mmCIF file of all heavy atoms, coordinates in Angstrom:
data_MODEL
# 
_entry.id   MODEL 
# 
loop_
_atom_site.group_PDB 
_atom_site.id 
_atom_site.type_symbol 
_atom_site.label_atom_id 
_atom_site.label_alt_id 
_atom_site.label_comp_id 
_atom_site.label_asym_id 
_atom_site.label_entity_id 
_atom_site.label_seq_id 
_atom_site.pdbx_PDB_ins_code 
_atom_site.Cartn_x 
_atom_site.Cartn_y 
_atom_site.Cartn_z 
_atom_site.occupancy 
_atom_site.B_iso_or_equiv 
_atom_site.pdbx_formal_charge 
_atom_site.auth_seq_id 
_atom_site.auth_comp_id 
_atom_site.auth_asym_id 
_atom_site.auth_atom_id 
_atom_site.pdbx_PDB_model_num 
ATOM 1   N N   . ALA A 1 1  ? 0.853   -1.179 0.000   1.00 0.00 ? 1  ALA A N   1 
ATOM 2   C CA  . ALA A 1 1  ? 0.000   0.000  0.000   1.00 0.00 ? 1  ALA A CA  1 
ATOM 3   C C   . ALA A 1 1  ? 0.889   1.228  0.000   1.00 0.00 ? 1  ALA A C   1 
ATOM 4   O O   . ALA A 1 1  ? 2.104   1.142  0.198   1.00 0.00 ? 1  ALA A O   1 
ATOM 5   C CB  . ALA A 1 1  ? -0.903  -0.007 1.233   1.00 0.00 ? 1  ALA A CB  1 
ATOM 6   N N   . LEU A 1 2  ? 0.280   2.373  -0.213  1.00 0.00 ? 2  LEU A N   1 
ATOM 7   C CA  . LEU A 1 2  ? 1.047   3.617  -0.216  1.00 0.00 ? 2  LEU A CA  1 
ATOM 8   C C   . LEU A 1 2  ? 1.784   3.819  1.104   1.00 0.00 ? 2  LEU A C   1 
ATOM 9   O O   . LEU A 1 2  ? 2.899   4.353  1.130   1.00 0.00 ? 2  LEU A O   1 
ATOM 10  C CB  . LEU A 1 2  ? 0.111   4.801  -0.470  1.00 0.00 ? 2  LEU A CB  1 
ATOM 11  C CG  . LEU A 1 2  ? -0.543  4.876  -1.862  1.00 0.00 ? 2  LEU A CG  1 
ATOM 12  C CD1 . LEU A 1 2  ? -1.495  6.062  -1.918  1.00 0.00 ? 2  LEU A CD1 1 
ATOM 13  C CD2 . LEU A 1 2  ? 0.504   4.990  -2.943  1.00 0.00 ? 2  LEU A CD2 1 
ATOM 14  N N   . SER A 1 3  ? 1.178   3.381  2.194   1.00 0.00 ? 3  SER A N   1 
ATOM 15  C CA  . SER A 1 3  ? 1.788   3.579  3.508   1.00 0.00 ? 3  SER A CA  1 
ATOM 16  C C   . SER A 1 3  ? 3.137   2.873  3.635   1.00 0.00 ? 3  SER A C   1 
ATOM 17  O O   . SER A 1 3  ? 3.967   3.245  4.473   1.00 0.00 ? 3  SER A O   1 
ATOM 18  C CB  . SER A 1 3  ? 0.846   3.087  4.610   1.00 0.00 ? 3  SER A CB  1 
ATOM 19  O OG  . SER A 1 3  ? 0.554   1.705  4.443   1.00 0.00 ? 3  SER A OG  1 
ATOM 20  N N   . ASN A 1 4  ? 3.369   1.842  2.798   1.00 0.00 ? 4  ASN A N   1 
ATOM 21  C CA  . ASN A 1 4  ? 4.661   1.150  2.830   1.00 0.00 ? 4  ASN A CA  1 
ATOM 22  C C   . ASN A 1 4  ? 5.823   2.095  2.565   1.00 0.00 ? 4  ASN A C   1 
ATOM 23  O O   . ASN A 1 4  ? 6.943   1.867  3.012   1.00 0.00 ? 4  ASN A O   1 
ATOM 24  C CB  . ASN A 1 4  ? 4.713   0.040  1.783   1.00 0.00 ? 4  ASN A CB  1 
ATOM 25  C CG  . ASN A 1 4  ? 3.734   -1.086 2.023   1.00 0.00 ? 4  ASN A CG  1 
ATOM 26  O OD1 . ASN A 1 4  ? 3.624   -1.996 1.231   1.00 0.00 ? 4  ASN A OD1 1 
ATOM 27  N ND2 . ASN A 1 4  ? 2.973   -1.022 3.126   1.00 0.00 ? 4  ASN A ND2 1 
ATOM 28  N N   . TRP A 1 5  ? 5.543   3.180  1.824   1.00 0.00 ? 5  TRP A N   1 
ATOM 29  C CA  . TRP A 1 5  ? 6.590   4.082  1.370   1.00 0.00 ? 5  TRP A CA  1 
ATOM 30  C C   . TRP A 1 5  ? 6.571   5.420  2.101   1.00 0.00 ? 5  TRP A C   1 
ATOM 31  O O   . TRP A 1 5  ? 7.215   6.374  1.660   1.00 0.00 ? 5  TRP A O   1 
ATOM 32  C CB  . TRP A 1 5  ? 6.451   4.318  -0.138  1.00 0.00 ? 5  TRP A CB  1 
ATOM 33  C CG  . TRP A 1 5  ? 6.576   3.098  -0.987  1.00 0.00 ? 5  TRP A CG  1 
ATOM 34  C CD1 . TRP A 1 5  ? 5.565   2.415  -1.592  1.00 0.00 ? 5  TRP A CD1 1 
ATOM 35  C CD2 . TRP A 1 5  ? 7.781   2.413  -1.345  1.00 0.00 ? 5  TRP A CD2 1 
ATOM 36  N NE1 . TRP A 1 5  ? 6.059   1.357  -2.305  1.00 0.00 ? 5  TRP A NE1 1 
ATOM 37  C CE2 . TRP A 1 5  ? 7.427   1.332  -2.168  1.00 0.00 ? 5  TRP A CE2 1 
ATOM 38  C CE3 . TRP A 1 5  ? 9.132   2.619  -1.037  1.00 0.00 ? 5  TRP A CE3 1 
ATOM 39  C CZ2 . TRP A 1 5  ? 8.363   0.452  -2.696  1.00 0.00 ? 5  TRP A CZ2 1 
ATOM 40  C CZ3 . TRP A 1 5  ? 10.073  1.736  -1.567  1.00 0.00 ? 5  TRP A CZ3 1 
ATOM 41  C CH2 . TRP A 1 5  ? 9.682   0.671  -2.381  1.00 0.00 ? 5  TRP A CH2 1 
ATOM 42  N N   . ASP A 1 6  ? 5.857   5.506  3.211   1.00 0.00 ? 6  ASP A N   1 
ATOM 43  C CA  . ASP A 1 6  ? 5.698   6.798  3.907   1.00 0.00 ? 6  ASP A CA  1 
ATOM 44  C C   . ASP A 1 6  ? 7.028   7.509  4.151   1.00 0.00 ? 6  ASP A C   1 
ATOM 45  O O   . ASP A 1 6  ? 7.186   8.692  3.844   1.00 0.00 ? 6  ASP A O   1 
ATOM 46  C CB  . ASP A 1 6  ? 4.988   6.588  5.256   1.00 0.00 ? 6  ASP A CB  1 
ATOM 47  C CG  . ASP A 1 6  ? 3.470   6.570  5.109   1.00 0.00 ? 6  ASP A CG  1 
ATOM 48  O OD1 . ASP A 1 6  ? 2.982   6.819  3.999   1.00 0.00 ? 6  ASP A OD1 1 
ATOM 49  O OD2 . ASP A 1 6  ? 2.785   6.312  6.114   1.00 0.00 ? 6  ASP A OD2 1 
ATOM 50  N N   . GLU A 1 7  ? 7.981   6.797  4.742   1.00 0.00 ? 7  GLU A N   1 
ATOM 51  C CA  . GLU A 1 7  ? 9.248   7.432  5.103   1.00 0.00 ? 7  GLU A CA  1 
ATOM 52  C C   . GLU A 1 7  ? 10.078  7.789  3.878   1.00 0.00 ? 7  GLU A C   1 
ATOM 53  O O   . GLU A 1 7  ? 10.837  8.760  3.887   1.00 0.00 ? 7  GLU A O   1 
ATOM 54  C CB  . GLU A 1 7  ? 10.045  6.516  6.036   1.00 0.00 ? 7  GLU A CB  1 
ATOM 55  C CG  . GLU A 1 7  ? 9.381   6.267  7.376   1.00 0.00 ? 7  GLU A CG  1 
ATOM 56  C CD  . GLU A 1 7  ? 9.172   7.556  8.165   1.00 0.00 ? 7  GLU A CD  1 
ATOM 57  O OE1 . GLU A 1 7  ? 10.018  8.469  8.077   1.00 0.00 ? 7  GLU A OE1 1 
ATOM 58  O OE2 . GLU A 1 7  ? 8.153   7.654  8.873   1.00 0.00 ? 7  GLU A OE2 1 
ATOM 59  N N   . VAL A 1 8  ? 9.943   7.005  2.812   1.00 0.00 ? 8  VAL A N   1 
ATOM 60  C CA  . VAL A 1 8  ? 10.646  7.323  1.566   1.00 0.00 ? 8  VAL A CA  1 
ATOM 61  C C   . VAL A 1 8  ? 10.078  8.605  0.958   1.00 0.00 ? 8  VAL A C   1 
ATOM 62  O O   . VAL A 1 8  ? 10.827  9.488  0.527   1.00 0.00 ? 8  VAL A O   1 
ATOM 63  C CB  . VAL A 1 8  ? 10.539  6.155  0.561   1.00 0.00 ? 8  VAL A CB  1 
ATOM 64  C CG1 . VAL A 1 8  ? 11.154  6.544  -0.792  1.00 0.00 ? 8  VAL A CG1 1 
ATOM 65  C CG2 . VAL A 1 8  ? 11.233  4.915  1.110   1.00 0.00 ? 8  VAL A CG2 1 
ATOM 66  N N   . ILE A 1 9  ? 8.760   8.717  0.959   1.00 0.00 ? 9  ILE A N   1 
ATOM 67  C CA  . ILE A 1 9  ? 8.127   9.937  0.430   1.00 0.00 ? 9  ILE A CA  1 
ATOM 68  C C   . ILE A 1 9  ? 8.571   11.143 1.244   1.00 0.00 ? 9  ILE A C   1 
ATOM 69  O O   . ILE A 1 9  ? 8.979   12.178 0.692   1.00 0.00 ? 9  ILE A O   1 
ATOM 70  C CB  . ILE A 1 9  ? 6.585   9.815  0.465   1.00 0.00 ? 9  ILE A CB  1 
ATOM 71  C CG1 . ILE A 1 9  ? 6.110   8.653  -0.391  1.00 0.00 ? 9  ILE A CG1 1 
ATOM 72  C CG2 . ILE A 1 9  ? 5.949   11.118 -0.035  1.00 0.00 ? 9  ILE A CG2 1 
ATOM 73  C CD1 . ILE A 1 9  ? 4.628   8.341  -0.237  1.00 0.00 ? 9  ILE A CD1 1 
ATOM 74  N N   . THR A 1 10 ? 8.491   11.031 2.560   1.00 0.00 ? 10 THR A N   1 
ATOM 75  C CA  . THR A 1 10 ? 8.848   12.152 3.437   1.00 0.00 ? 10 THR A CA  1 
ATOM 76  C C   . THR A 1 10 ? 10.282  12.608 3.215   1.00 0.00 ? 10 THR A C   1 
ATOM 77  O O   . THR A 1 10 ? 10.566  13.809 3.108   1.00 0.00 ? 10 THR A O   1 
ATOM 78  C CB  . THR A 1 10 ? 8.677   11.749 4.911   1.00 0.00 ? 10 THR A CB  1 
ATOM 79  O OG1 . THR A 1 10 ? 7.318   11.377 5.149   1.00 0.00 ? 10 THR A OG1 1 
ATOM 80  C CG2 . THR A 1 10 ? 9.052   12.888 5.834   1.00 0.00 ? 10 THR A CG2 1 
ATOM 81  N N   . THR A 1 11 ? 11.198  11.654 3.124   1.00 0.00 ? 11 THR A N   1 
ATOM 82  C CA  . THR A 1 11 ? 12.618  11.981 3.022   1.00 0.00 ? 11 THR A CA  1 
ATOM 83  C C   . THR A 1 11 ? 13.010  12.482 1.635   1.00 0.00 ? 11 THR A C   1 
ATOM 84  O O   . THR A 1 11 ? 13.714  13.485 1.502   1.00 0.00 ? 11 THR A O   1 
ATOM 85  C CB  . THR A 1 11 ? 13.474  10.749 3.378   1.00 0.00 ? 11 THR A CB  1 
ATOM 86  O OG1 . THR A 1 11 ? 13.186  10.360 4.733   1.00 0.00 ? 11 THR A OG1 1 
ATOM 87  C CG2 . THR A 1 11 ? 14.962  11.046 3.235   1.00 0.00 ? 11 THR A CG2 1 
ATOM 88  N N   . PHE A 1 12 ? 12.539  11.808 0.600   1.00 0.00 ? 12 PHE A N   1 
ATOM 89  C CA  . PHE A 1 12 ? 13.081  12.062 -0.734  1.00 0.00 ? 12 PHE A CA  1 
ATOM 90  C C   . PHE A 1 12 ? 12.283  13.061 -1.566  1.00 0.00 ? 12 PHE A C   1 
ATOM 91  O O   . PHE A 1 12 ? 12.808  13.596 -2.546  1.00 0.00 ? 12 PHE A O   1 
ATOM 92  C CB  . PHE A 1 12 ? 13.248  10.738 -1.482  1.00 0.00 ? 12 PHE A CB  1 
ATOM 93  C CG  . PHE A 1 12 ? 14.355  9.895  -0.927  1.00 0.00 ? 12 PHE A CG  1 
ATOM 94  C CD1 . PHE A 1 12 ? 14.086  8.932  0.033   1.00 0.00 ? 12 PHE A CD1 1 
ATOM 95  C CD2 . PHE A 1 12 ? 15.664  10.088 -1.317  1.00 0.00 ? 12 PHE A CD2 1 
ATOM 96  C CE1 . PHE A 1 12 ? 15.105  8.169  0.582   1.00 0.00 ? 12 PHE A CE1 1 
ATOM 97  C CE2 . PHE A 1 12 ? 16.694  9.338  -0.783  1.00 0.00 ? 12 PHE A CE2 1 
ATOM 98  C CZ  . PHE A 1 12 ? 16.418  8.370  0.175   1.00 0.00 ? 12 PHE A CZ  1 
ATOM 99  N N   . SER A 1 13 ? 11.045  13.348 -1.177  1.00 0.00 ? 13 SER A N   1 
ATOM 100 C CA  . SER A 1 13 ? 10.269  14.328 -1.947  1.00 0.00 ? 13 SER A CA  1 
ATOM 101 C C   . SER A 1 13 ? 10.808  15.745 -1.777  1.00 0.00 ? 13 SER A C   1 
ATOM 102 O O   . SER A 1 13 ? 10.411  16.653 -2.498  1.00 0.00 ? 13 SER A O   1 
ATOM 103 C CB  . SER A 1 13 ? 8.795   14.278 -1.549  1.00 0.00 ? 13 SER A CB  1 
ATOM 104 O OG  . SER A 1 13 ? 8.627   14.595 -0.179  1.00 0.00 ? 13 SER A OG  1 
ATOM 105 N N   . LYS A 1 14 ? 11.737  15.932 -0.838  1.00 0.00 ? 14 LYS A N   1 
ATOM 106 C CA  . LYS A 1 14 ? 12.365  17.244 -0.669  1.00 0.00 ? 14 LYS A CA  1 
ATOM 107 C C   . LYS A 1 14 ? 13.353  17.546 -1.787  1.00 0.00 ? 14 LYS A C   1 
ATOM 108 O O   . LYS A 1 14 ? 13.662  18.705 -2.060  1.00 0.00 ? 14 LYS A O   1 
ATOM 109 C CB  . LYS A 1 14 ? 13.094  17.293 0.680   1.00 0.00 ? 14 LYS A CB  1 
ATOM 110 C CG  . LYS A 1 14 ? 12.175  17.102 1.878   1.00 0.00 ? 14 LYS A CG  1 
ATOM 111 C CD  . LYS A 1 14 ? 12.976  16.887 3.158   1.00 0.00 ? 14 LYS A CD  1 
ATOM 112 C CE  . LYS A 1 14 ? 12.054  16.560 4.330   1.00 0.00 ? 14 LYS A CE  1 
ATOM 113 N NZ  . LYS A 1 14 ? 12.811  16.223 5.562   1.00 0.00 ? 14 LYS A NZ  1 
ATOM 114 N N   . ARG A 1 15 ? 13.876  16.472 -2.438  1.00 0.00 ? 15 ARG A N   1 
ATOM 115 C CA  . ARG A 1 15 ? 14.899  16.667 -3.471  1.00 0.00 ? 15 ARG A CA  1 
ATOM 116 C C   . ARG A 1 15 ? 14.614  15.912 -4.763  1.00 0.00 ? 15 ARG A C   1 
ATOM 117 O O   . ARG A 1 15 ? 15.305  16.102 -5.758  1.00 0.00 ? 15 ARG A O   1 
ATOM 118 C CB  . ARG A 1 15 ? 16.264  16.221 -2.933  1.00 0.00 ? 15 ARG A CB  1 
ATOM 119 C CG  . ARG A 1 15 ? 16.841  17.141 -1.881  1.00 0.00 ? 15 ARG A CG  1 
ATOM 120 C CD  . ARG A 1 15 ? 18.078  16.534 -1.251  1.00 0.00 ? 15 ARG A CD  1 
ATOM 121 N NE  . ARG A 1 15 ? 17.739  15.400 -0.396  1.00 0.00 ? 15 ARG A NE  1 
ATOM 122 C CZ  . ARG A 1 15 ? 18.329  14.207 -0.451  1.00 0.00 ? 15 ARG A CZ  1 
ATOM 123 N NH1 . ARG A 1 15 ? 19.281  13.987 -1.323  1.00 0.00 ? 15 ARG A NH1 1 
ATOM 124 N NH2 . ARG A 1 15 ? 17.965  13.243 0.381   1.00 0.00 ? 15 ARG A NH2 1 
ATOM 125 N N   . TYR A 1 16 ? 13.611  15.047 -4.730  1.00 0.00 ? 16 TYR A N   1 
ATOM 126 C CA  . TYR A 1 16 ? 13.279  14.237 -5.894  1.00 0.00 ? 16 TYR A CA  1 
ATOM 127 C C   . TYR A 1 16 ? 11.773  14.327 -6.158  1.00 0.00 ? 16 TYR A C   1 
ATOM 128 O O   . TYR A 1 16 ? 10.998  14.742 -5.293  1.00 0.00 ? 16 TYR A O   1 
ATOM 129 C CB  . TYR A 1 16 ? 13.652  12.771 -5.664  1.00 0.00 ? 16 TYR A CB  1 
ATOM 130 C CG  . TYR A 1 16 ? 15.133  12.531 -5.484  1.00 0.00 ? 16 TYR A CG  1 
ATOM 131 C CD1 . TYR A 1 16 ? 15.716  12.617 -4.211  1.00 0.00 ? 16 TYR A CD1 1 
ATOM 132 C CD2 . TYR A 1 16 ? 15.950  12.203 -6.557  1.00 0.00 ? 16 TYR A CD2 1 
ATOM 133 C CE1 . TYR A 1 16 ? 17.078  12.389 -4.029  1.00 0.00 ? 16 TYR A CE1 1 
ATOM 134 C CE2 . TYR A 1 16 ? 17.309  11.973 -6.389  1.00 0.00 ? 16 TYR A CE2 1 
ATOM 135 C CZ  . TYR A 1 16 ? 17.866  12.067 -5.127  1.00 0.00 ? 16 TYR A CZ  1 
ATOM 136 O OH  . TYR A 1 16 ? 19.213  11.850 -4.948  1.00 0.00 ? 16 TYR A OH  1 
ATOM 137 N N   . ARG A 1 17 ? 11.389  13.905 -7.341  1.00 0.00 ? 17 ARG A N   1 
ATOM 138 C CA  . ARG A 1 17 ? 9.965   13.771 -7.657  1.00 0.00 ? 17 ARG A CA  1 
ATOM 139 C C   . ARG A 1 17 ? 9.592   12.314 -7.403  1.00 0.00 ? 17 ARG A C   1 
ATOM 140 O O   . ARG A 1 17 ? 10.025  11.419 -8.130  1.00 0.00 ? 17 ARG A O   1 
ATOM 141 C CB  . ARG A 1 17 ? 9.695   14.152 -9.110  1.00 0.00 ? 17 ARG A CB  1 
ATOM 142 C CG  . ARG A 1 17 ? 8.227   14.086 -9.494  1.00 0.00 ? 17 ARG A CG  1 
ATOM 143 C CD  . ARG A 1 17 ? 8.019   14.441 -10.969 1.00 0.00 ? 17 ARG A CD  1 
ATOM 144 N NE  . ARG A 1 17 ? 6.630   14.274 -11.365 1.00 0.00 ? 17 ARG A NE  1 
ATOM 145 C CZ  . ARG A 1 17 ? 6.202   14.293 -12.636 1.00 0.00 ? 17 ARG A CZ  1 
ATOM 146 N NH1 . ARG A 1 17 ? 7.088   14.500 -13.625 1.00 0.00 ? 17 ARG A NH1 1 
ATOM 147 N NH2 . ARG A 1 17 ? 4.924   14.121 -12.904 1.00 0.00 ? 17 ARG A NH2 1 
ATOM 148 N N   . VAL A 1 18 ? 8.815   12.076 -6.364  1.00 0.00 ? 18 VAL A N   1 
ATOM 149 C CA  . VAL A 1 18 ? 8.451   10.723 -5.947  1.00 0.00 ? 18 VAL A CA  1 
ATOM 150 C C   . VAL A 1 18 ? 7.045   10.407 -6.460  1.00 0.00 ? 18 VAL A C   1 
ATOM 151 O O   . VAL A 1 18 ? 6.078   11.083 -6.115  1.00 0.00 ? 18 VAL A O   1 
ATOM 152 C CB  . VAL A 1 18 ? 8.503   10.585 -4.413  1.00 0.00 ? 18 VAL A CB  1 
ATOM 153 C CG1 . VAL A 1 18 ? 8.126   9.170  -3.997  1.00 0.00 ? 18 VAL A CG1 1 
ATOM 154 C CG2 . VAL A 1 18 ? 9.901   10.937 -3.889  1.00 0.00 ? 18 VAL A CG2 1 
ATOM 155 N N   . ILE A 1 19 ? 6.964   9.354  -7.261  1.00 0.00 ? 19 ILE A N   1 
ATOM 156 C CA  . ILE A 1 19 ? 5.688   8.974  -7.879  1.00 0.00 ? 19 ILE A CA  1 
ATOM 157 C C   . ILE A 1 19 ? 5.372   7.523  -7.522  1.00 0.00 ? 19 ILE A C   1 
ATOM 158 O O   . ILE A 1 19 ? 6.237   6.649  -7.630  1.00 0.00 ? 19 ILE A O   1 
ATOM 159 C CB  . ILE A 1 19 ? 5.749   9.126  -9.409  1.00 0.00 ? 19 ILE A CB  1 
ATOM 160 C CG1 . ILE A 1 19 ? 6.132   10.562 -9.794  1.00 0.00 ? 19 ILE A CG1 1 
ATOM 161 C CG2 . ILE A 1 19 ? 4.411   8.748  -10.043 1.00 0.00 ? 19 ILE A CG2 1 
ATOM 162 C CD1 . ILE A 1 19 ? 6.329   10.772 -11.281 1.00 0.00 ? 19 ILE A CD1 1 
ATOM 163 N N   . ILE A 1 20 ? 4.141   7.289  -7.084  1.00 0.00 ? 20 ILE A N   1 
ATOM 164 C CA  . ILE A 1 20 ? 3.710   5.934  -6.737  1.00 0.00 ? 20 ILE A CA  1 
ATOM 165 C C   . ILE A 1 20 ? 2.348   5.653  -7.380  1.00 0.00 ? 20 ILE A C   1 
ATOM 166 O O   . ILE A 1 20 ? 1.325   6.192  -6.938  1.00 0.00 ? 20 ILE A O   1 
ATOM 167 C CB  . ILE A 1 20 ? 3.571   5.732  -5.221  1.00 0.00 ? 20 ILE A CB  1 
ATOM 168 C CG1 . ILE A 1 20 ? 4.777   6.304  -4.468  1.00 0.00 ? 20 ILE A CG1 1 
ATOM 169 C CG2 . ILE A 1 20 ? 3.383   4.258  -4.900  1.00 0.00 ? 20 ILE A CG2 1 
ATOM 170 C CD1 . ILE A 1 20 ? 4.639   6.243  -2.958  1.00 0.00 ? 20 ILE A CD1 1 
ATOM 171 N N   . PRO A 1 21 ? 2.298   4.827  -8.407  1.00 0.00 ? 21 PRO A N   1 
ATOM 172 C CA  . PRO A 1 21 ? 0.988   4.432  -8.951  1.00 0.00 ? 21 PRO A CA  1 
ATOM 173 C C   . PRO A 1 21 ? 0.334   3.400  -8.043  1.00 0.00 ? 21 PRO A C   1 
ATOM 174 O O   . PRO A 1 21 ? 1.007   2.506  -7.508  1.00 0.00 ? 21 PRO A O   1 
ATOM 175 C CB  . PRO A 1 21 ? 1.349   3.836  -10.309 1.00 0.00 ? 21 PRO A CB  1 
ATOM 176 C CG  . PRO A 1 21 ? 2.744   3.325  -10.139 1.00 0.00 ? 21 PRO A CG  1 
ATOM 177 C CD  . PRO A 1 21 ? 3.422   4.240  -9.144  1.00 0.00 ? 21 PRO A CD  1 
ATOM 178 N N   . MET A 1 22 ? -0.947  3.516  -7.845  1.00 0.00 ? 22 MET A N   1 
ATOM 179 C CA  . MET A 1 22 ? -1.695  2.528  -7.062  1.00 0.00 ? 22 MET A CA  1 
ATOM 180 C C   . MET A 1 22 ? -2.115  1.412  -8.020  1.00 0.00 ? 22 MET A C   1 
ATOM 181 O O   . MET A 1 22 ? -3.019  1.590  -8.839  1.00 0.00 ? 22 MET A O   1 
ATOM 182 C CB  . MET A 1 22 ? -2.898  3.182  -6.393  1.00 0.00 ? 22 MET A CB  1 
ATOM 183 C CG  . MET A 1 22 ? -2.492  4.274  -5.407  1.00 0.00 ? 22 MET A CG  1 
ATOM 184 S SD  . MET A 1 22 ? -3.905  5.107  -4.636  1.00 0.00 ? 22 MET A SD  1 
ATOM 185 C CE  . MET A 1 22 ? -4.594  3.774  -3.655  1.00 0.00 ? 22 MET A CE  1 
ATOM 186 N N   . MET A 1 23 ? -1.440  0.305  -7.921  1.00 0.00 ? 23 MET A N   1 
ATOM 187 C CA  . MET A 1 23 ? -1.682  -0.783 -8.868  1.00 0.00 ? 23 MET A CA  1 
ATOM 188 C C   . MET A 1 23 ? -3.025  -1.465 -8.594  1.00 0.00 ? 23 MET A C   1 
ATOM 189 O O   . MET A 1 23 ? -3.387  -1.692 -7.432  1.00 0.00 ? 23 MET A O   1 
ATOM 190 C CB  . MET A 1 23 ? -0.538  -1.789 -8.814  1.00 0.00 ? 23 MET A CB  1 
ATOM 191 C CG  . MET A 1 23 ? 0.746   -1.243 -9.419  1.00 0.00 ? 23 MET A CG  1 
ATOM 192 S SD  . MET A 1 23 ? 2.036   -2.484 -9.607  1.00 0.00 ? 23 MET A SD  1 
ATOM 193 C CE  . MET A 1 23 ? 2.627   -2.624 -7.911  1.00 0.00 ? 23 MET A CE  1 
ATOM 194 N N   . PRO A 1 24 ? -3.756  -1.805 -9.653  1.00 0.00 ? 24 PRO A N   1 
ATOM 195 C CA  . PRO A 1 24 ? -5.110  -2.363 -9.500  1.00 0.00 ? 24 PRO A CA  1 
ATOM 196 C C   . PRO A 1 24 ? -5.092  -3.858 -9.219  1.00 0.00 ? 24 PRO A C   1 
ATOM 197 O O   . PRO A 1 24 ? -5.773  -4.651 -9.880  1.00 0.00 ? 24 PRO A O   1 
ATOM 198 C CB  . PRO A 1 24 ? -5.739  -2.056 -10.864 1.00 0.00 ? 24 PRO A CB  1 
ATOM 199 C CG  . PRO A 1 24 ? -4.582  -2.178 -11.817 1.00 0.00 ? 24 PRO A CG  1 
ATOM 200 C CD  . PRO A 1 24 ? -3.384  -1.640 -11.069 1.00 0.00 ? 24 PRO A CD  1 
ATOM 201 N N   . ILE A 1 25 ? -4.325  -4.251 -8.206  1.00 0.00 ? 25 ILE A N   1 
ATOM 202 C CA  . ILE A 1 25 ? -4.154  -5.681 -7.923  1.00 0.00 ? 25 ILE A CA  1 
ATOM 203 C C   . ILE A 1 25 ? -5.478  -6.372 -7.633  1.00 0.00 ? 25 ILE A C   1 
ATOM 204 O O   . ILE A 1 25 ? -5.711  -7.507 -8.056  1.00 0.00 ? 25 ILE A O   1 
ATOM 205 C CB  . ILE A 1 25 ? -3.177  -5.855 -6.745  1.00 0.00 ? 25 ILE A CB  1 
ATOM 206 C CG1 . ILE A 1 25 ? -1.754  -5.497 -7.201  1.00 0.00 ? 25 ILE A CG1 1 
ATOM 207 C CG2 . ILE A 1 25 ? -3.216  -7.276 -6.196  1.00 0.00 ? 25 ILE A CG2 1 
ATOM 208 C CD1 . ILE A 1 25 ? -0.723  -5.478 -6.090  1.00 0.00 ? 25 ILE A CD1 1 
ATOM 209 N N   . TYR A 1 26 ? -6.367  -5.677 -6.938  1.00 0.00 ? 26 TYR A N   1 
ATOM 210 C CA  . TYR A 1 26 ? -7.611  -6.315 -6.514  1.00 0.00 ? 26 TYR A CA  1 
ATOM 211 C C   . TYR A 1 26 ? -8.798  -5.947 -7.394  1.00 0.00 ? 26 TYR A C   1 
ATOM 212 O O   . TYR A 1 26 ? -9.898  -6.458 -7.197  1.00 0.00 ? 26 TYR A O   1 
ATOM 213 C CB  . TYR A 1 26 ? -7.913  -5.941 -5.060  1.00 0.00 ? 26 TYR A CB  1 
ATOM 214 C CG  . TYR A 1 26 ? -6.702  -6.055 -4.173  1.00 0.00 ? 26 TYR A CG  1 
ATOM 215 C CD1 . TYR A 1 26 ? -6.173  -4.940 -3.539  1.00 0.00 ? 26 TYR A CD1 1 
ATOM 216 C CD2 . TYR A 1 26 ? -6.067  -7.279 -4.008  1.00 0.00 ? 26 TYR A CD2 1 
ATOM 217 C CE1 . TYR A 1 26 ? -5.041  -5.042 -2.732  1.00 0.00 ? 26 TYR A CE1 1 
ATOM 218 C CE2 . TYR A 1 26 ? -4.925  -7.385 -3.214  1.00 0.00 ? 26 TYR A CE2 1 
ATOM 219 C CZ  . TYR A 1 26 ? -4.421  -6.265 -2.587  1.00 0.00 ? 26 TYR A CZ  1 
ATOM 220 O OH  . TYR A 1 26 ? -3.290  -6.371 -1.812  1.00 0.00 ? 26 TYR A OH  1 
ATOM 221 N N   . GLU A 1 27 ? -8.575  -5.063 -8.364  1.00 0.00 ? 27 GLU A N   1 
ATOM 222 C CA  . GLU A 1 27 ? -9.668  -4.631 -9.226  1.00 0.00 ? 27 GLU A CA  1 
ATOM 223 C C   . GLU A 1 27 ? -9.575  -5.214 -10.632 1.00 0.00 ? 27 GLU A C   1 
ATOM 224 O O   . GLU A 1 27 ? -10.495 -5.065 -11.430 1.00 0.00 ? 27 GLU A O   1 
ATOM 225 C CB  . GLU A 1 27 ? -9.697  -3.095 -9.338  1.00 0.00 ? 27 GLU A CB  1 
ATOM 226 C CG  . GLU A 1 27 ? -10.028 -2.366 -8.045  1.00 0.00 ? 27 GLU A CG  1 
ATOM 227 C CD  . GLU A 1 27 ? -8.821  -2.240 -7.126  1.00 0.00 ? 27 GLU A CD  1 
ATOM 228 O OE1 . GLU A 1 27 ? -7.689  -2.173 -7.641  1.00 0.00 ? 27 GLU A OE1 1 
ATOM 229 O OE2 . GLU A 1 27 ? -9.017  -2.221 -5.891  1.00 0.00 ? 27 GLU A OE2 1 
ATOM 230 N N   . MET A 1 28 ? -8.448  -5.866 -10.944 1.00 0.00 ? 28 MET A N   1 
ATOM 231 C CA  . MET A 1 28 ? -8.255  -6.381 -12.298 1.00 0.00 ? 28 MET A CA  1 
ATOM 232 C C   . MET A 1 28 ? -9.226  -7.530 -12.590 1.00 0.00 ? 28 MET A C   1 
ATOM 233 O O   . MET A 1 28 ? -9.520  -8.335 -11.693 1.00 0.00 ? 28 MET A O   1 
ATOM 234 C CB  . MET A 1 28 ? -6.824  -6.891 -12.480 1.00 0.00 ? 28 MET A CB  1 
ATOM 235 C CG  . MET A 1 28 ? -5.752  -5.837 -12.324 1.00 0.00 ? 28 MET A CG  1 
ATOM 236 S SD  . MET A 1 28 ? -4.090  -6.544 -12.492 1.00 0.00 ? 28 MET A SD  1 
ATOM 237 C CE  . MET A 1 28 ? -4.062  -6.812 -14.261 1.00 0.00 ? 28 MET A CE  1 
# 
């Protein structure tokens, strides 16, 4: 889930463009 990457987003979005697509694992 997006929450898996919380600390990565917090740390790296200050210097990088952090993009996370929500994959349709359960909707396909």
